[in-house]
Amino acid sequence: MSLPPDPFNDPRDPNSTGGGTATIERQEERQLIEPGDAERFAHYVRKEKIMESALTGEPVIALCGKVWVPGRDPNKFPVCPDCKAIYEGLRTGGGGGKDDGGK
């Protein structure tokens, strides 16, 4: 009585019909900017809205119009340039446009 054929063919056997290896080559593509990094800014929102969002989980609306649920430390991100321009326009009594006076 003989044994059934070995499905894992012995690679040391020169008469073996399989069991070879192959190398799969692939290029590693690294992105310098992660997806979504363009949207990673600290936005201007009323403090009471931030607190309300923390308690209820409801999204907030920034001065620039971005809607999201805050969850990250804003000190780790640059200030949104649109929010900053709108805020500066509000502080100087402008019509909401960018105020270049004094720069």
PDB file of N, CA and C in Angstrom:
ATOM      1  N   MET A   1       0.838  -1.167   0.000  1.00  0.00           N
ATOM      2  CA  MET A   1       0.000   0.000   0.000  1.00  0.00           C
ATOM      3  C   MET A   1       0.889   1.239   0.000  1.00  0.00           C
ATOM      4  N   SER A   2       0.609   2.211  -0.906  1.00  0.00           N
ATOM      5  CA  SER A   2       1.429   3.420  -0.996  1.00  0.00           C
ATOM      6  C   SER A   2       0.662   4.622  -0.442  1.00  0.00           C
ATOM      7  N   LEU A   3       1.416   5.610  -0.063  1.00  0.00           N
ATOM      8  CA  LEU A   3       0.838   6.836   0.486  1.00  0.00           C
ATOM      9  C   LEU A   3       0.353   7.736  -0.655  1.00  0.00           C
ATOM     10  N   PRO A   4      -0.661   8.543  -0.373  1.00  0.00           N
ATOM     11  CA  PRO A   4      -1.104   9.485  -1.403  1.00  0.00           C
ATOM     12  C   PRO A   4      -0.001  10.512  -1.674  1.00  0.00           C
ATOM     13  N   PRO A   5      -0.015  11.144  -2.843  1.00  0.00           N
ATOM     14  CA  PRO A   5       1.025  12.130  -3.149  1.00  0.00           C
ATOM     15  C   PRO A   5       0.990  13.297  -2.166  1.00  0.00           C
ATOM     16  N   ASP A   6       2.160  13.792  -1.853  1.00  0.00           N
ATOM     17  CA  ASP A   6       2.291  14.910  -0.914  1.00  0.00           C
ATOM     18  C   ASP A   6       1.882  16.210  -1.611  1.00  0.00           C
ATOM     19  N   PRO A   7       0.862  16.879  -1.114  1.00  0.00           N
ATOM     20  CA  PRO A   7       0.429  18.110  -1.771  1.00  0.00           C
ATOM     21  C   PRO A   7       1.436  19.251  -1.600  1.00  0.00           C
ATOM     22  N   PHE A   8       2.365  19.096  -0.675  1.00  0.00           N
ATOM     23  CA  PHE A   8       3.332  20.161  -0.412  1.00  0.00           C
ATOM     24  C   PHE A   8       4.703  19.836  -0.977  1.00  0.00           C
ATOM     25  N   ASN A   9       4.793  19.112  -2.007  1.00  0.00           N
ATOM     26  CA  ASN A   9       6.022  18.658  -2.666  1.00  0.00           C
ATOM     27  C   ASN A   9       7.295  19.096  -1.936  1.00  0.00           C
ATOM     28  N   ASP A  10       8.206  18.160  -1.775  1.00  0.00           N
ATOM     29  CA  ASP A  10       9.477  18.402  -1.099  1.00  0.00           C
ATOM     30  C   ASP A  10      10.373  19.235  -2.016  1.00  0.00           C
ATOM     31  N   PRO A  11      10.763  20.464  -1.628  1.00  0.00           N
ATOM     32  CA  PRO A  11      11.570  21.310  -2.501  1.00  0.00           C
ATOM     33  C   PRO A  11      12.972  20.754  -2.728  1.00  0.00           C
ATOM     34  N   ARG A  12      13.432  19.836  -1.873  1.00  0.00           N
ATOM     35  CA  ARG A  12      14.763  19.242  -2.047  1.00  0.00           C
ATOM     36  C   ARG A  12      14.760  18.143  -3.098  1.00  0.00           C
ATOM     37  N   ASP A  13      13.581  17.697  -3.492  1.00  0.00           N
ATOM     38  CA  ASP A  13      13.467  16.619  -4.472  1.00  0.00           C
ATOM     39  C   ASP A  13      13.500  17.208  -5.885  1.00  0.00           C
ATOM     40  N   PRO A  14      14.538  16.856  -6.694  1.00  0.00           N
ATOM     41  CA  PRO A  14      14.629  17.425  -8.041  1.00  0.00           C
ATOM     42  C   PRO A  14      13.493  16.971  -8.958  1.00  0.00           C
ATOM     43  N   ASN A  15      12.810  15.895  -8.626  1.00  0.00           N
ATOM     44  CA  ASN A  15      11.705  15.402  -9.444  1.00  0.00           C
ATOM     45  C   ASN A  15      10.366  16.018  -9.023  1.00  0.00           C
ATOM     46  N   SER A  16      10.410  16.893  -8.069  1.00  0.00           N
ATOM     47  CA  SER A  16       9.195  17.514  -7.566  1.00  0.00           C
ATOM     48  C   SER A  16       8.638  18.461  -8.634  1.00  0.00           C
ATOM     49  N   THR A  17       7.307  18.527  -8.750  1.00  0.00           N
ATOM     50  CA  THR A  17       6.677  19.354  -9.786  1.00  0.00           C
ATOM     51  C   THR A  17       6.215  20.709  -9.266  1.00  0.00           C
ATOM     52  N   GLY A  18       6.368  20.990  -8.032  1.00  0.00           N
ATOM     53  CA  GLY A  18       5.878  22.270  -7.491  1.00  0.00           C
ATOM     54  C   GLY A  18       6.699  22.698  -6.309  1.00  0.00           C
ATOM     55  N   GLY A  19       6.172  23.570  -5.544  1.00  0.00           N
ATOM     56  CA  GLY A  19       6.833  23.998  -4.319  1.00  0.00           C
ATOM     57  C   GLY A  19       7.828  25.120  -4.529  1.00  0.00           C
ATOM     58  N   GLY A  20       7.851  25.723  -5.707  1.00  0.00           N
ATOM     59  CA  GLY A  20       8.772  26.827  -5.954  1.00  0.00           C
ATOM     60  C   GLY A  20       8.320  28.087  -5.240  1.00  0.00           C
ATOM     61  N   THR A  21       9.207  29.025  -5.192  1.00  0.00           N
ATOM     62  CA  THR A  21       8.855  30.303  -4.581  1.00  0.00           C
ATOM     63  C   THR A  21       8.959  31.403  -5.623  1.00  0.00           C
ATOM     64  N   ALA A  22       8.269  32.466  -5.383  1.00  0.00           N
ATOM     65  CA  ALA A  22       8.325  33.611  -6.270  1.00  0.00           C
ATOM     66  C   ALA A  22       8.407  34.864  -5.418  1.00  0.00           C
ATOM     67  N   THR A  23       8.987  35.880  -5.983  1.00  0.00           N
ATOM     68  CA  THR A  23       9.092  37.158  -5.303  1.00  0.00           C
ATOM     69  C   THR A  23       8.157  38.136  -5.976  1.00  0.00           C
ATOM     70  N   ILE A  24       7.323  38.737  -5.193  1.00  0.00           N
ATOM     71  CA  ILE A  24       6.414  39.750  -5.713  1.00  0.00           C
ATOM     72  C   ILE A  24       7.016  41.096  -5.377  1.00  0.00           C
ATOM     73  N   GLU A  25       7.280  41.882  -6.398  1.00  0.00           N
ATOM     74  CA  GLU A  25       7.860  43.196  -6.184  1.00  0.00           C
ATOM     75  C   GLU A  25       6.767  44.245  -6.243  1.00  0.00           C
ATOM     76  N   ARG A  26       6.873  45.193  -5.351  1.00  0.00           N
ATOM     77  CA  ARG A  26       5.931  46.307  -5.369  1.00  0.00           C
ATOM     78  C   ARG A  26       6.678  47.565  -4.965  1.00  0.00           C
ATOM     79  N   GLN A  27       6.245  48.651  -5.522  1.00  0.00           N
ATOM     80  CA  GLN A  27       6.849  49.920  -5.158  1.00  0.00           C
ATOM     81  C   GLN A  27       6.084  50.515  -3.992  1.00  0.00           C
ATOM     82  N   GLU A  28       6.822  51.015  -3.058  1.00  0.00           N
ATOM     83  CA  GLU A  28       6.183  51.661  -1.911  1.00  0.00           C
ATOM     84  C   GLU A  28       5.998  53.134  -2.249  1.00  0.00           C
ATOM     85  N   GLU A  29       4.761  53.560  -2.196  1.00  0.00           N
ATOM     86  CA  GLU A  29       4.460  54.956  -2.472  1.00  0.00           C
ATOM     87  C   GLU A  29       4.113  55.646  -1.165  1.00  0.00           C
ATOM     88  N   ARG A  30       4.894  56.625  -0.841  1.00  0.00           N
ATOM     89  CA  ARG A  30       4.639  57.380   0.385  1.00  0.00           C
ATOM     90  C   ARG A  30       4.059  58.722   0.020  1.00  0.00           C
ATOM     91  N   GLN A  31       3.052  59.100   0.762  1.00  0.00           N
ATOM     92  CA  GLN A  31       2.461  60.405   0.567  1.00  0.00           C
ATOM     93  C   GLN A  31       3.060  61.355   1.597  1.00  0.00           C
ATOM     94  N   LEU A  32       3.520  62.486   1.119  1.00  0.00           N
ATOM     95  CA  LEU A  32       4.067  63.464   2.045  1.00  0.00           C
ATOM     96  C   LEU A  32       2.969  64.091   2.891  1.00  0.00           C
ATOM     97  N   ILE A  33       1.794  64.181   2.304  1.00  0.00           N
ATOM     98  CA  ILE A  33       0.651  64.741   3.021  1.00  0.00           C
ATOM     99  C   ILE A  33      -0.400  63.651   3.139  1.00  0.00           C
ATOM    100  N   GLU A  34      -0.834  63.411   4.348  1.00  0.00           N
ATOM    101  CA  GLU A  34      -1.868  62.409   4.566  1.00  0.00           C
ATOM    102  C   GLU A  34      -3.210  62.910   4.054  1.00  0.00           C
ATOM    103  N   PRO A  35      -4.096  61.995   3.652  1.00  0.00           N
ATOM    104  CA  PRO A  35      -5.426  62.434   3.214  1.00  0.00           C
ATOM    105  C   PRO A  35      -6.124  63.221   4.319  1.00  0.00           C
ATOM    106  N   GLY A  36      -6.682  64.330   3.959  1.00  0.00           N
ATOM    107  CA  GLY A  36      -7.391  65.152   4.932  1.00  0.00           C
ATOM    108  C   GLY A  36      -6.539  66.198   5.613  1.00  0.00           C
ATOM    109  N   ASP A  37      -5.215  66.188   5.356  1.00  0.00           N
ATOM    110  CA  ASP A  37      -4.352  67.174   6.019  1.00  0.00           C
ATOM    111  C   ASP A  37      -4.700  68.599   5.623  1.00  0.00           C
ATOM    112  N   ALA A  38      -5.205  68.780   4.410  1.00  0.00           N
ATOM    113  CA  ALA A  38      -5.555  70.134   3.963  1.00  0.00           C
ATOM    114  C   ALA A  38      -6.685  70.705   4.805  1.00  0.00           C
ATOM    115  N   GLU A  39      -7.446  69.843   5.467  1.00  0.00           N
ATOM    116  CA  GLU A  39      -8.575  70.286   6.278  1.00  0.00           C
ATOM    117  C   GLU A  39      -8.226  70.373   7.764  1.00  0.00           C
ATOM    118  N   ARG A  40      -6.999  70.103   8.111  1.00  0.00           N
ATOM    119  CA  ARG A  40      -6.624  70.080   9.528  1.00  0.00           C
ATOM    120  C   ARG A  40      -6.179  71.455   9.988  1.00  0.00           C
ATOM    121  N   PHE A  41      -7.158  72.223  10.399  1.00  0.00           N
ATOM    122  CA  PHE A  41      -6.921  73.555  10.928  1.00  0.00           C
ATOM    123  C   PHE A  41      -7.653  73.697  12.245  1.00  0.00           C
ATOM    124  N   ALA A  42      -7.200  74.635  13.042  1.00  0.00           N
ATOM    125  CA  ALA A  42      -7.943  75.042  14.231  1.00  0.00           C
ATOM    126  C   ALA A  42      -8.913  76.125  13.768  1.00  0.00           C
ATOM    127  N   HIS A  43     -10.191  75.911  13.979  1.00  0.00           N
ATOM    128  CA  HIS A  43     -11.223  76.823  13.496  1.00  0.00           C
ATOM    129  C   HIS A  43     -11.771  77.680  14.636  1.00  0.00           C
ATOM    130  N   TYR A  44     -12.345  78.815  14.269  1.00  0.00           N
ATOM    131  CA  TYR A  44     -12.953  79.724  15.231  1.00  0.00           C
ATOM    132  C   TYR A  44     -14.425  79.363  15.408  1.00  0.00           C
ATOM    133  N   VAL A  45     -14.787  79.062  16.664  1.00  0.00           N
ATOM    134  CA  VAL A  45     -16.166  78.730  17.037  1.00  0.00           C
ATOM    135  C   VAL A  45     -16.413  79.364  18.401  1.00  0.00           C
ATOM    136  N   ARG A  46     -17.644  79.773  18.668  1.00  0.00           N
ATOM    137  CA  ARG A  46     -17.968  80.339  19.982  1.00  0.00           C
ATOM    138  C   ARG A  46     -17.695  79.307  21.079  1.00  0.00           C
ATOM    139  N   LYS A  47     -17.141  79.768  22.195  1.00  0.00           N
ATOM    140  CA  LYS A  47     -16.788  78.870  23.295  1.00  0.00           C
ATOM    141  C   LYS A  47     -17.988  78.083  23.802  1.00  0.00           C
ATOM    142  N   GLU A  48     -19.131  78.752  23.911  1.00  0.00           N
ATOM    143  CA  GLU A  48     -20.307  78.039  24.428  1.00  0.00           C
ATOM    144  C   GLU A  48     -20.750  76.930  23.483  1.00  0.00           C
ATOM    145  N   LYS A  49     -20.508  77.111  22.200  1.00  0.00           N
ATOM    146  CA  LYS A  49     -20.862  76.065  21.230  1.00  0.00           C
ATOM    147  C   LYS A  49     -19.933  74.854  21.363  1.00  0.00           C
ATOM    148  N   ILE A  50     -18.668  75.132  21.672  1.00  0.00           N
ATOM    149  CA  ILE A  50     -17.714  74.035  21.896  1.00  0.00           C
ATOM    150  C   ILE A  50     -18.136  73.225  23.114  1.00  0.00           C
ATOM    151  N   MET A  51     -18.499  73.917  24.188  1.00  0.00           N
ATOM    152  CA  MET A  51     -18.923  73.229  25.409  1.00  0.00           C
ATOM    153  C   MET A  51     -20.205  72.432  25.161  1.00  0.00           C
ATOM    154  N   GLU A  52     -21.133  73.025  24.450  1.00  0.00           N
ATOM    155  CA  GLU A  52     -22.390  72.343  24.137  1.00  0.00           C
ATOM    156  C   GLU A  52     -22.125  71.092  23.303  1.00  0.00           C
ATOM    157  N   SER A  53     -21.225  71.201  22.349  1.00  0.00           N
ATOM    158  CA  SER A  53     -20.882  70.057  21.507  1.00  0.00           C
ATOM    159  C   SER A  53     -20.224  68.946  22.323  1.00  0.00           C
ATOM    160  N   ALA A  54     -19.384  69.339  23.284  1.00  0.00           N
ATOM    161  CA  ALA A  54     -18.717  68.341  24.136  1.00  0.00           C
ATOM    162  C   ALA A  54     -19.738  67.551  24.948  1.00  0.00           C
ATOM    163  N   LEU A  55     -20.811  68.210  25.354  1.00  0.00           N
ATOM    164  CA  LEU A  55     -21.833  67.546  26.164  1.00  0.00           C
ATOM    165  C   LEU A  55     -22.827  66.740  25.330  1.00  0.00           C
ATOM    166  N   THR A  56     -23.187  67.273  24.164  1.00  0.00           N
ATOM    167  CA  THR A  56     -24.246  66.636  23.374  1.00  0.00           C
ATOM    168  C   THR A  56     -23.740  65.806  22.195  1.00  0.00           C
ATOM    169  N   GLY A  57     -22.513  66.082  21.751  1.00  0.00           N
ATOM    170  CA  GLY A  57     -21.993  65.382  20.583  1.00  0.00           C
ATOM    171  C   GLY A  57     -22.481  65.966  19.264  1.00  0.00           C
ATOM    172  N   GLU A  58     -23.197  67.094  19.345  1.00  0.00           N
ATOM    173  CA  GLU A  58     -23.698  67.756  18.142  1.00  0.00           C
ATOM    174  C   GLU A  58     -22.556  68.492  17.441  1.00  0.00           C
ATOM    175  N   PRO A  59     -22.590  68.572  16.116  1.00  0.00           N
ATOM    176  CA  PRO A  59     -21.540  69.301  15.401  1.00  0.00           C
ATOM    177  C   PRO A  59     -21.645  70.808  15.599  1.00  0.00           C
ATOM    178  N   VAL A  60     -20.531  71.486  15.373  1.00  0.00           N
ATOM    179  CA  VAL A  60     -20.471  72.939  15.457  1.00  0.00           C
ATOM    180  C   VAL A  60     -20.189  73.496  14.066  1.00  0.00           C
ATOM    181  N   ILE A  61     -20.423  74.800  13.898  1.00  0.00           N
ATOM    182  CA  ILE A  61     -20.154  75.462  12.621  1.00  0.00           C
ATOM    183  C   ILE A  61     -19.124  76.558  12.875  1.00  0.00           C
ATOM    184  N   ALA A  62     -17.988  76.470  12.185  1.00  0.00           N
ATOM    185  CA  ALA A  62     -16.937  77.470  12.318  1.00  0.00           C
ATOM    186  C   ALA A  62     -17.285  78.719  11.525  1.00  0.00           C
ATOM    187  N   LEU A  63     -16.549  79.792  11.761  1.00  0.00           N
ATOM    188  CA  LEU A  63     -16.772  81.035  11.029  1.00  0.00           C
ATOM    189  C   LEU A  63     -16.652  80.826   9.517  1.00  0.00           C
ATOM    190  N   CYS A  64     -15.760  79.920   9.098  1.00  0.00           N
ATOM    191  CA  CYS A  64     -15.546  79.682   7.673  1.00  0.00           C
ATOM    192  C   CYS A  64     -16.627  78.804   7.064  1.00  0.00           C
ATOM    193  N   GLY A  65     -17.498  78.234   7.908  1.00  0.00           N
ATOM    194  CA  GLY A  65     -18.577  77.388   7.414  1.00  0.00           C
ATOM    195  C   GLY A  65     -18.347  75.899   7.597  1.00  0.00           C
ATOM    196  N   LYS A  66     -17.158  75.499   8.048  1.00  0.00           N
ATOM    197  CA  LYS A  66     -16.892  74.073   8.261  1.00  0.00           C
ATOM    198  C   LYS A  66     -17.772  73.564   9.391  1.00  0.00           C
ATOM    199  N   VAL A  67     -18.385  72.386   9.147  1.00  0.00           N
ATOM    200  CA  VAL A  67     -19.245  71.744  10.137  1.00  0.00           C
ATOM    201  C   VAL A  67     -18.561  70.449  10.565  1.00  0.00           C
ATOM    202  N   TRP A  68     -18.346  70.271  11.860  1.00  0.00           N
ATOM    203  CA  TRP A  68     -17.709  69.064  12.377  1.00  0.00           C
ATOM    204  C   TRP A  68     -17.943  68.946  13.872  1.00  0.00           C
ATOM    205  N   VAL A  69     -17.625  67.770  14.398  1.00  0.00           N
ATOM    206  CA  VAL A  69     -17.699  67.541  15.844  1.00  0.00           C
ATOM    207  C   VAL A  69     -16.273  67.646  16.361  1.00  0.00           C
ATOM    208  N   PRO A  70     -15.974  68.666  17.164  1.00  0.00           N
ATOM    209  CA  PRO A  70     -14.605  68.835  17.660  1.00  0.00           C
ATOM    210  C   PRO A  70     -14.177  67.651  18.521  1.00  0.00           C
ATOM    211  N   GLY A  71     -12.917  67.271  18.367  1.00  0.00           N
ATOM    212  CA  GLY A  71     -12.429  66.162  19.162  1.00  0.00           C
ATOM    213  C   GLY A  71     -10.923  66.163  19.303  1.00  0.00           C
ATOM    214  N   ARG A  72     -10.252  67.119  18.663  1.00  0.00           N
ATOM    215  CA  ARG A  72      -8.793  67.174  18.721  1.00  0.00           C
ATOM    216  C   ARG A  72      -8.338  68.461  19.388  1.00  0.00           C
ATOM    217  N   ASP A  73      -7.100  68.451  19.858  1.00  0.00           N
ATOM    218  CA  ASP A  73      -6.521  69.627  20.497  1.00  0.00           C
ATOM    219  C   ASP A  73      -6.225  70.677  19.431  1.00  0.00           C
ATOM    220  N   PRO A  74      -6.908  71.813  19.448  1.00  0.00           N
ATOM    221  CA  PRO A  74      -6.702  72.822  18.414  1.00  0.00           C
ATOM    222  C   PRO A  74      -5.303  73.448  18.449  1.00  0.00           C
ATOM    223  N   ASN A  75      -4.600  73.314  19.568  1.00  0.00           N
ATOM    224  CA  ASN A  75      -3.255  73.877  19.665  1.00  0.00           C
ATOM    225  C   ASN A  75      -2.249  73.132  18.796  1.00  0.00           C
ATOM    226  N   LYS A  76      -2.614  71.967  18.297  1.00  0.00           N
ATOM    227  CA  LYS A  76      -1.715  71.169  17.467  1.00  0.00           C
ATOM    228  C   LYS A  76      -1.823  71.510  15.985  1.00  0.00           C
ATOM    229  N   PHE A  77      -2.722  72.422  15.617  1.00  0.00           N
ATOM    230  CA  PHE A  77      -2.965  72.728  14.215  1.00  0.00           C
ATOM    231  C   PHE A  77      -2.865  74.223  13.966  1.00  0.00           C
ATOM    232  N   PRO A  78      -2.524  74.601  12.733  1.00  0.00           N
ATOM    233  CA  PRO A  78      -2.505  76.032  12.413  1.00  0.00           C
ATOM    234  C   PRO A  78      -3.927  76.569  12.339  1.00  0.00           C
ATOM    235  N   VAL A  79      -4.059  77.877  12.542  1.00  0.00           N
ATOM    236  CA  VAL A  79      -5.377  78.522  12.505  1.00  0.00           C
ATOM    237  C   VAL A  79      -5.865  78.555  11.052  1.00  0.00           C
ATOM    238  N   CYS A  80      -7.124  78.247  10.874  1.00  0.00           N
ATOM    239  CA  CYS A  80      -7.748  78.297   9.554  1.00  0.00           C
ATOM    240  C   CYS A  80      -7.634  79.723   9.013  1.00  0.00           C
ATOM    241  N   PRO A  81      -7.046  79.903   7.835  1.00  0.00           N
ATOM    242  CA  PRO A  81      -6.884  81.258   7.314  1.00  0.00           C
ATOM    243  C   PRO A  81      -8.220  81.951   7.026  1.00  0.00           C
ATOM    244  N   ASP A  82      -9.225  81.209   6.614  1.00  0.00           N
ATOM    245  CA  ASP A  82     -10.540  81.819   6.361  1.00  0.00           C
ATOM    246  C   ASP A  82     -11.185  82.285   7.659  1.00  0.00           C
ATOM    247  N   CYS A  83     -11.135  81.446   8.688  1.00  0.00           N
ATOM    248  CA  CYS A  83     -11.695  81.835   9.985  1.00  0.00           C
ATOM    249  C   CYS A  83     -10.979  83.073  10.524  1.00  0.00           C
ATOM    250  N   LYS A  84      -9.649  83.087  10.390  1.00  0.00           N
ATOM    251  CA  LYS A  84      -8.866  84.205  10.910  1.00  0.00           C
ATOM    252  C   LYS A  84      -9.240  85.504  10.191  1.00  0.00           C
ATOM    253  N   ALA A  85      -9.377  85.448   8.881  1.00  0.00           N
ATOM    254  CA  ALA A  85      -9.724  86.646   8.109  1.00  0.00           C
ATOM    255  C   ALA A  85     -11.112  87.152   8.487  1.00  0.00           C
ATOM    256  N   ILE A  86     -12.049  86.238   8.639  1.00  0.00           N
ATOM    257  CA  ILE A  86     -13.410  86.636   9.024  1.00  0.00           C
ATOM    258  C   ILE A  86     -13.412  87.238  10.421  1.00  0.00           C
ATOM    259  N   TYR A  87     -12.704  86.601  11.357  1.00  0.00           N
ATOM    260  CA  TYR A  87     -12.642  87.091  12.734  1.00  0.00           C
ATOM    261  C   TYR A  87     -12.021  88.482  12.795  1.00  0.00           C
ATOM    262  N   GLU A  88     -10.927  88.683  12.052  1.00  0.00           N
ATOM    263  CA  GLU A  88     -10.279  89.998  12.041  1.00  0.00           C
ATOM    264  C   GLU A  88     -11.204  91.051  11.445  1.00  0.00           C
ATOM    265  N   GLY A  89     -11.998  90.662  10.441  1.00  0.00           N
ATOM    266  CA  GLY A  89     -12.956  91.588   9.855  1.00  0.00           C
ATOM    267  C   GLY A  89     -14.042  91.960  10.841  1.00  0.00           C
ATOM    268  N   LEU A  90     -14.455  90.999  11.662  1.00  0.00           N
ATOM    269  CA  LEU A  90     -15.483  91.280  12.671  1.00  0.00           C
ATOM    270  C   LEU A  90     -14.953  92.195  13.768  1.00  0.00           C
ATOM    271  N   ARG A  91     -13.710  92.001  14.159  1.00  0.00           N
ATOM    272  CA  ARG A  91     -13.116  92.792  15.239  1.00  0.00           C
ATOM    273  C   ARG A  91     -12.907  94.239  14.833  1.00  0.00           C
ATOM    274  N   THR A  92     -12.606  94.478  13.557  1.00  0.00           N
ATOM    275  CA  THR A  92     -12.350  95.846  13.106  1.00  0.00           C
ATOM    276  C   THR A  92     -13.623  96.534  12.632  1.00  0.00           C
ATOM    277  N   GLY A  93     -14.742  95.829  12.691  1.00  0.00           N
ATOM    278  CA  GLY A  93     -15.996  96.425  12.273  1.00  0.00           C
ATOM    279  C   GLY A  93     -16.188  96.386  10.774  1.00  0.00           C
ATOM    280  N   GLY A  94     -15.342  95.595  10.085  1.00  0.00           N
ATOM    281  CA  GLY A  94     -15.446  95.479   8.635  1.00  0.00           C
ATOM    282  C   GLY A  94     -16.661  94.651   8.249  1.00  0.00           C
ATOM    283  N   GLY A  95     -16.876  94.551   6.966  1.00  0.00           N
ATOM    284  CA  GLY A  95     -18.020  93.811   6.453  1.00  0.00           C
ATOM    285  C   GLY A  95     -17.791  92.322   6.322  1.00  0.00           C
ATOM    286  N   GLY A  96     -16.844  91.778   7.064  1.00  0.00           N
ATOM    287  CA  GLY A  96     -16.580  90.347   7.009  1.00  0.00           C
ATOM    288  C   GLY A  96     -15.480  90.002   6.035  1.00  0.00           C
ATOM    289  N   GLY A  97     -14.953  91.008   5.340  1.00  0.00           N
ATOM    290  CA  GLY A  97     -13.856  90.760   4.406  1.00  0.00           C
ATOM    291  C   GLY A  97     -12.532  90.821   5.118  1.00  0.00           C
ATOM    292  N   LYS A  98     -11.475  90.525   4.383  1.00  0.00           N
ATOM    293  CA  LYS A  98     -10.148  90.539   4.980  1.00  0.00           C
ATOM    294  C   LYS A  98      -9.686  91.977   5.154  1.00  0.00           C
ATOM    295  N   ASP A  99      -9.141  92.296   6.314  1.00  0.00           N
ATOM    296  CA  ASP A  99      -8.670  93.624   6.622  1.00  0.00           C
ATOM    297  C   ASP A  99      -7.156  93.617   6.570  1.00  0.00           C
ATOM    298  N   ASP A 100      -6.562  94.294   5.582  1.00  0.00           N
ATOM    299  CA  ASP A 100      -5.115  94.319   5.448  1.00  0.00           C
ATOM    300  C   ASP A 100      -4.512  95.566   6.073  1.00  0.00           C
ATOM    301  N   GLY A 101      -5.319  96.371   6.716  1.00  0.00           N
ATOM    302  CA  GLY A 101      -4.802  97.596   7.307  1.00  0.00           C
ATOM    303  C   GLY A 101      -3.787  97.319   8.393  1.00  0.00           C
ATOM    304  N   GLY A 102      -2.651  98.000   8.328  1.00  0.00           N
ATOM    305  CA  GLY A 102      -1.627  97.859   9.360  1.00  0.00           C
ATOM    306  C   GLY A 102      -0.638  96.752   9.065  1.00  0.00           C
ATOM    307  N   LYS A 103      -0.756  96.074   7.919  1.00  0.00           N
ATOM    308  CA  LYS A 103       0.227  95.023   7.611  1.00  0.00           C
ATOM    309  C   LYS A 103       1.074  95.430   6.453  1.00  0.00           C
TER     310      LYS A 103
END
